[in-house]
Amino acid sequence: MMRMMSAGGACLVAAAVFGGPATADTWQPQMEPPTWVKIRETLTRSGDLPVRPWLFMEGLQTPALRAAEYLSDPIRTPAGVEFDGALLLQKKEAVDWQVRLLRMRALCNQMRLQRQSAKGEWLDYIGRDDTPAKAKWICGLGGAG
């Protein structure tokens, strides 16, 4: 069974895991490797990850950590594009996967990503060098709105 993470902890882990150089002109999601397809499908069958058309954004596997980010259901809004995000995380020697679901948005005129807190407040998704590049890509989703 998976364990839920706090929003703050998940964001810090994601920032550490997925922070890296990227330019707005070159960033795009990676192809979902077969390993992540299997993990995502297993978590979906177990009910830990909702059944949705999840788009693999990127993943990382090190001896200490396995983690992946997914995006689903982008909707164009006056501020930009809102979407559901999922972080799949397994720490070293852990058997269970942690699944963190976040409501997020890309502010297209500012090239920023934000997550929605449990209180409904929008908070910057900080600590990521490639955030403007990802926001630009998300804002360009053809299926949004």
C-alpha atoms as a PDB file:
ATOM      1  CA  MET A   1       0.000   0.000   0.000  1.00  0.00           C
ATOM      2  CA  MET A   2       1.317   3.473  -0.746  1.00  0.00           C
ATOM      3  CA  ARG A   3       1.884   6.268   1.737  1.00  0.00           C
ATOM      4  CA  MET A   4       0.807   9.854   1.097  1.00  0.00           C
ATOM      5  CA  MET A   5       3.410  12.608   1.447  1.00  0.00           C
ATOM      6  CA  SER A   6       2.916  16.117   2.756  1.00  0.00           C
ATOM      7  CA  ALA A   7       2.685  18.737   0.021  1.00  0.00           C
ATOM      8  CA  GLY A   8       5.782  20.545   1.253  1.00  0.00           C
ATOM      9  CA  GLY A   9       7.840  17.370   1.433  1.00  0.00           C
ATOM     10  CA  ALA A  10       6.750  16.267  -2.005  1.00  0.00           C
ATOM     11  CA  CYS A  11       7.672  19.618  -3.524  1.00  0.00           C
ATOM     12  CA  LEU A  12      11.101  19.619  -1.923  1.00  0.00           C
ATOM     13  CA  VAL A  13      11.769  16.087  -3.111  1.00  0.00           C
ATOM     14  CA  ALA A  14      10.557  16.908  -6.604  1.00  0.00           C
ATOM     15  CA  ALA A  15      12.700  20.041  -6.719  1.00  0.00           C
ATOM     16  CA  ALA A  16      15.773  18.096  -5.688  1.00  0.00           C
ATOM     17  CA  VAL A  17      15.042  15.213  -8.036  1.00  0.00           C
ATOM     18  CA  PHE A  18      13.997  17.002 -11.189  1.00  0.00           C
ATOM     19  CA  GLY A  19      15.828  20.338 -10.990  1.00  0.00           C
ATOM     20  CA  GLY A  20      18.187  20.672 -13.872  1.00  0.00           C
ATOM     21  CA  PRO A  21      19.180  22.801 -16.811  1.00  0.00           C
ATOM     22  CA  ALA A  22      16.718  23.202 -19.645  1.00  0.00           C
ATOM     23  CA  THR A  23      15.860  25.977 -22.011  1.00  0.00           C
ATOM     24  CA  ALA A  24      12.361  27.051 -22.978  1.00  0.00           C
ATOM     25  CA  ASP A  25      13.125  26.280 -26.609  1.00  0.00           C
ATOM     26  CA  THR A  26      14.276  22.706 -26.056  1.00  0.00           C
ATOM     27  CA  TRP A  27      12.411  21.179 -23.099  1.00  0.00           C
ATOM     28  CA  GLN A  28       9.777  18.553 -23.741  1.00  0.00           C
ATOM     29  CA  PRO A  29       8.603  15.511 -21.785  1.00  0.00           C
ATOM     30  CA  GLN A  30      10.651  12.369 -21.995  1.00  0.00           C
ATOM     31  CA  MET A  31       9.149   9.236 -23.528  1.00  0.00           C
ATOM     32  CA  GLU A  32       7.770   7.060 -20.744  1.00  0.00           C
ATOM     33  CA  PRO A  33      10.194   4.151 -20.283  1.00  0.00           C
ATOM     34  CA  PRO A  34       8.672   0.650 -19.964  1.00  0.00           C
ATOM     35  CA  THR A  35       9.733   0.514 -16.298  1.00  0.00           C
ATOM     36  CA  TRP A  36       7.618   3.589 -15.499  1.00  0.00           C
ATOM     37  CA  VAL A  37       4.697   2.290 -17.572  1.00  0.00           C
ATOM     38  CA  LYS A  38       4.672  -0.834 -15.391  1.00  0.00           C
ATOM     39  CA  ILE A  39       4.937   1.153 -12.139  1.00  0.00           C
ATOM     40  CA  ARG A  40       2.163   3.570 -13.198  1.00  0.00           C
ATOM     41  CA  GLU A  41      -0.127   0.730 -14.283  1.00  0.00           C
ATOM     42  CA  THR A  42       0.494  -1.168 -11.028  1.00  0.00           C
ATOM     43  CA  LEU A  43      -0.317   1.932  -8.934  1.00  0.00           C
ATOM     44  CA  THR A  44      -3.432   2.546 -11.047  1.00  0.00           C
ATOM     45  CA  ARG A  45      -4.658  -1.048 -10.611  1.00  0.00           C
ATOM     46  CA  SER A  46      -4.089  -0.825  -6.839  1.00  0.00           C
ATOM     47  CA  GLY A  47      -6.128   2.391  -6.660  1.00  0.00           C
ATOM     48  CA  ASP A  48      -3.196   4.469  -5.421  1.00  0.00           C
ATOM     49  CA  LEU A  49      -3.097   6.482  -8.659  1.00  0.00           C
ATOM     50  CA  PRO A  50      -6.408   7.604 -10.199  1.00  0.00           C
ATOM     51  CA  VAL A  51      -7.351   6.232 -13.617  1.00  0.00           C
ATOM     52  CA  ARG A  52      -6.609   9.080 -16.018  1.00  0.00           C
ATOM     53  CA  PRO A  53      -4.616   9.667 -19.202  1.00  0.00           C
ATOM     54  CA  TRP A  54      -1.353  10.491 -17.368  1.00  0.00           C
ATOM     55  CA  LEU A  55       1.403  12.123 -19.432  1.00  0.00           C
ATOM     56  CA  PHE A  56       4.896  11.179 -18.286  1.00  0.00           C
ATOM     57  CA  MET A  57       6.952  14.347 -17.754  1.00  0.00           C
ATOM     58  CA  GLU A  58      10.233  12.915 -16.475  1.00  0.00           C
ATOM     59  CA  GLY A  59      11.690  10.300 -14.202  1.00  0.00           C
ATOM     60  CA  LEU A  60      14.816   9.533 -12.240  1.00  0.00           C
ATOM     61  CA  GLN A  61      16.302   6.330 -10.899  1.00  0.00           C
ATOM     62  CA  THR A  62      19.336   6.392  -8.580  1.00  0.00           C
ATOM     63  CA  PRO A  63      20.496   3.937  -5.920  1.00  0.00           C
ATOM     64  CA  ALA A  64      18.805   6.148  -3.296  1.00  0.00           C
ATOM     65  CA  LEU A  65      15.576   7.132  -5.045  1.00  0.00           C
ATOM     66  CA  ARG A  66      13.140   6.402  -7.867  1.00  0.00           C
ATOM     67  CA  ALA A  67      10.741   9.199  -8.786  1.00  0.00           C
ATOM     68  CA  ALA A  68       8.574  10.326 -11.689  1.00  0.00           C
ATOM     69  CA  GLU A  69       6.319  13.264 -12.473  1.00  0.00           C
ATOM     70  CA  TYR A  70       3.085  13.034 -14.464  1.00  0.00           C
ATOM     71  CA  LEU A  71       0.529  15.530 -15.798  1.00  0.00           C
ATOM     72  CA  SER A  72      -3.158  14.983 -16.575  1.00  0.00           C
ATOM     73  CA  ASP A  73      -6.287  16.875 -17.598  1.00  0.00           C
ATOM     74  CA  PRO A  74      -4.881  20.264 -18.689  1.00  0.00           C
ATOM     75  CA  ILE A  75      -7.550  22.962 -18.863  1.00  0.00           C
ATOM     76  CA  ARG A  76      -7.006  26.476 -20.205  1.00  0.00           C
ATOM     77  CA  THR A  77      -8.024  29.213 -17.741  1.00  0.00           C
ATOM     78  CA  PRO A  78      -7.735  33.024 -17.795  1.00  0.00           C
ATOM     79  CA  ALA A  79      -4.454  32.721 -15.837  1.00  0.00           C
ATOM     80  CA  GLY A  80      -2.931  29.949 -17.958  1.00  0.00           C
ATOM     81  CA  VAL A  81      -3.327  26.177 -17.807  1.00  0.00           C
ATOM     82  CA  GLU A  82      -4.496  24.209 -14.754  1.00  0.00           C
ATOM     83  CA  PHE A  83      -3.775  20.499 -14.500  1.00  0.00           C
ATOM     84  CA  ASP A  84      -3.458  17.556 -12.157  1.00  0.00           C
ATOM     85  CA  GLY A  85       0.060  16.514 -11.283  1.00  0.00           C
ATOM     86  CA  ALA A  86       1.273  13.265  -9.767  1.00  0.00           C
ATOM     87  CA  LEU A  87       4.608  12.496  -8.148  1.00  0.00           C
ATOM     88  CA  LEU A  88       5.494   8.805  -7.790  1.00  0.00           C
ATOM     89  CA  LEU A  89       8.282   8.254  -5.287  1.00  0.00           C
ATOM     90  CA  GLN A  90      10.112   5.301  -3.800  1.00  0.00           C
ATOM     91  CA  LYS A  91      13.028   5.883  -1.438  1.00  0.00           C
ATOM     92  CA  LYS A  92      16.001   3.567  -1.007  1.00  0.00           C
ATOM     93  CA  GLU A  93      15.086   0.169   0.427  1.00  0.00           C
ATOM     94  CA  ALA A  94      11.372   1.078   0.639  1.00  0.00           C
ATOM     95  CA  VAL A  95       8.871  -1.453  -0.644  1.00  0.00           C
ATOM     96  CA  ASP A  96       5.906   0.908  -0.905  1.00  0.00           C
ATOM     97  CA  TRP A  97       5.476   3.707  -3.405  1.00  0.00           C
ATOM     98  CA  GLN A  98       4.406   7.166  -2.279  1.00  0.00           C
ATOM     99  CA  VAL A  99       1.927   8.901  -4.572  1.00  0.00           C
ATOM    100  CA  ARG A 100       1.395  12.632  -4.218  1.00  0.00           C
ATOM    101  CA  LEU A 101      -1.422  14.216  -6.206  1.00  0.00           C
ATOM    102  CA  LEU A 102      -1.290  17.973  -6.710  1.00  0.00           C
ATOM    103  CA  ARG A 103      -3.554  20.479  -8.443  1.00  0.00           C
ATOM    104  CA  MET A 104      -1.206  22.720 -10.373  1.00  0.00           C
ATOM    105  CA  ARG A 105      -1.190  25.542 -12.870  1.00  0.00           C
ATOM    106  CA  ALA A 106       1.160  27.152 -15.327  1.00  0.00           C
ATOM    107  CA  LEU A 107       0.971  30.949 -15.349  1.00  0.00           C
ATOM    108  CA  CYS A 108       1.634  31.512 -19.038  1.00  0.00           C
ATOM    109  CA  ASN A 109       2.356  35.240 -18.930  1.00  0.00           C
ATOM    110  CA  GLN A 110       4.914  34.720 -16.120  1.00  0.00           C
ATOM    111  CA  MET A 111       6.319  31.282 -17.059  1.00  0.00           C
ATOM    112  CA  ARG A 112       5.802  30.016 -13.500  1.00  0.00           C
ATOM    113  CA  LEU A 113       4.320  26.834 -12.067  1.00  0.00           C
ATOM    114  CA  GLN A 114       2.190  26.840  -8.955  1.00  0.00           C
ATOM    115  CA  ARG A 115       0.573  24.166  -6.817  1.00  0.00           C
ATOM    116  CA  GLN A 116      -2.682  24.517  -4.919  1.00  0.00           C
ATOM    117  CA  SER A 117      -2.424  24.107  -1.147  1.00  0.00           C
ATOM    118  CA  ALA A 118      -4.924  22.186   0.974  1.00  0.00           C
ATOM    119  CA  LYS A 119      -6.436  25.591   1.832  1.00  0.00           C
ATOM    120  CA  GLY A 120      -6.938  26.401  -1.850  1.00  0.00           C
ATOM    121  CA  GLU A 121      -4.113  28.943  -2.049  1.00  0.00           C
ATOM    122  CA  TRP A 122      -1.822  28.974  -5.071  1.00  0.00           C
ATOM    123  CA  LEU A 123       1.844  28.646  -4.060  1.00  0.00           C
ATOM    124  CA  ASP A 124       4.894  28.861  -6.302  1.00  0.00           C
ATOM    125  CA  TYR A 125       6.456  25.521  -7.187  1.00  0.00           C
ATOM    126  CA  ILE A 126       9.974  26.650  -6.372  1.00  0.00           C
ATOM    127  CA  GLY A 127      13.503  25.378  -6.610  1.00  0.00           C
ATOM    128  CA  ARG A 128      13.475  24.236 -10.205  1.00  0.00           C
ATOM    129  CA  ASP A 129      15.820  25.747 -12.778  1.00  0.00           C
ATOM    130  CA  ASP A 130      13.728  24.335 -15.621  1.00  0.00           C
ATOM    131  CA  THR A 131      10.362  25.667 -14.398  1.00  0.00           C
ATOM    132  CA  PRO A 132      10.056  28.416 -17.052  1.00  0.00           C
ATOM    133  CA  ALA A 133      10.767  25.885 -19.797  1.00  0.00           C
ATOM    134  CA  LYS A 134       8.175  23.453 -18.453  1.00  0.00           C
ATOM    135  CA  ALA A 135       5.610  26.225 -17.987  1.00  0.00           C
ATOM    136  CA  LYS A 136       6.129  27.284 -21.603  1.00  0.00           C
ATOM    137  CA  TRP A 137       5.640  23.718 -22.810  1.00  0.00           C
ATOM    138  CA  ILE A 138       2.504  23.223 -20.664  1.00  0.00           C
ATOM    139  CA  CYS A 139       1.090  26.547 -21.897  1.00  0.00           C
ATOM    140  CA  GLY A 140       1.534  25.298 -25.458  1.00  0.00           C
ATOM    141  CA  LEU A 141      -0.502  22.125 -24.971  1.00  0.00           C
ATOM    142  CA  GLY A 142      -2.849  21.930 -27.914  1.00  0.00           C
ATOM    143  CA  GLY A 143      -5.489  19.971 -25.993  1.00  0.00           C
ATOM    144  CA  ALA A 144      -5.760  22.556 -23.232  1.00  0.00           C
ATOM    145  CA  GLY A 145      -9.057  24.397 -23.187  1.00  0.00           C
END
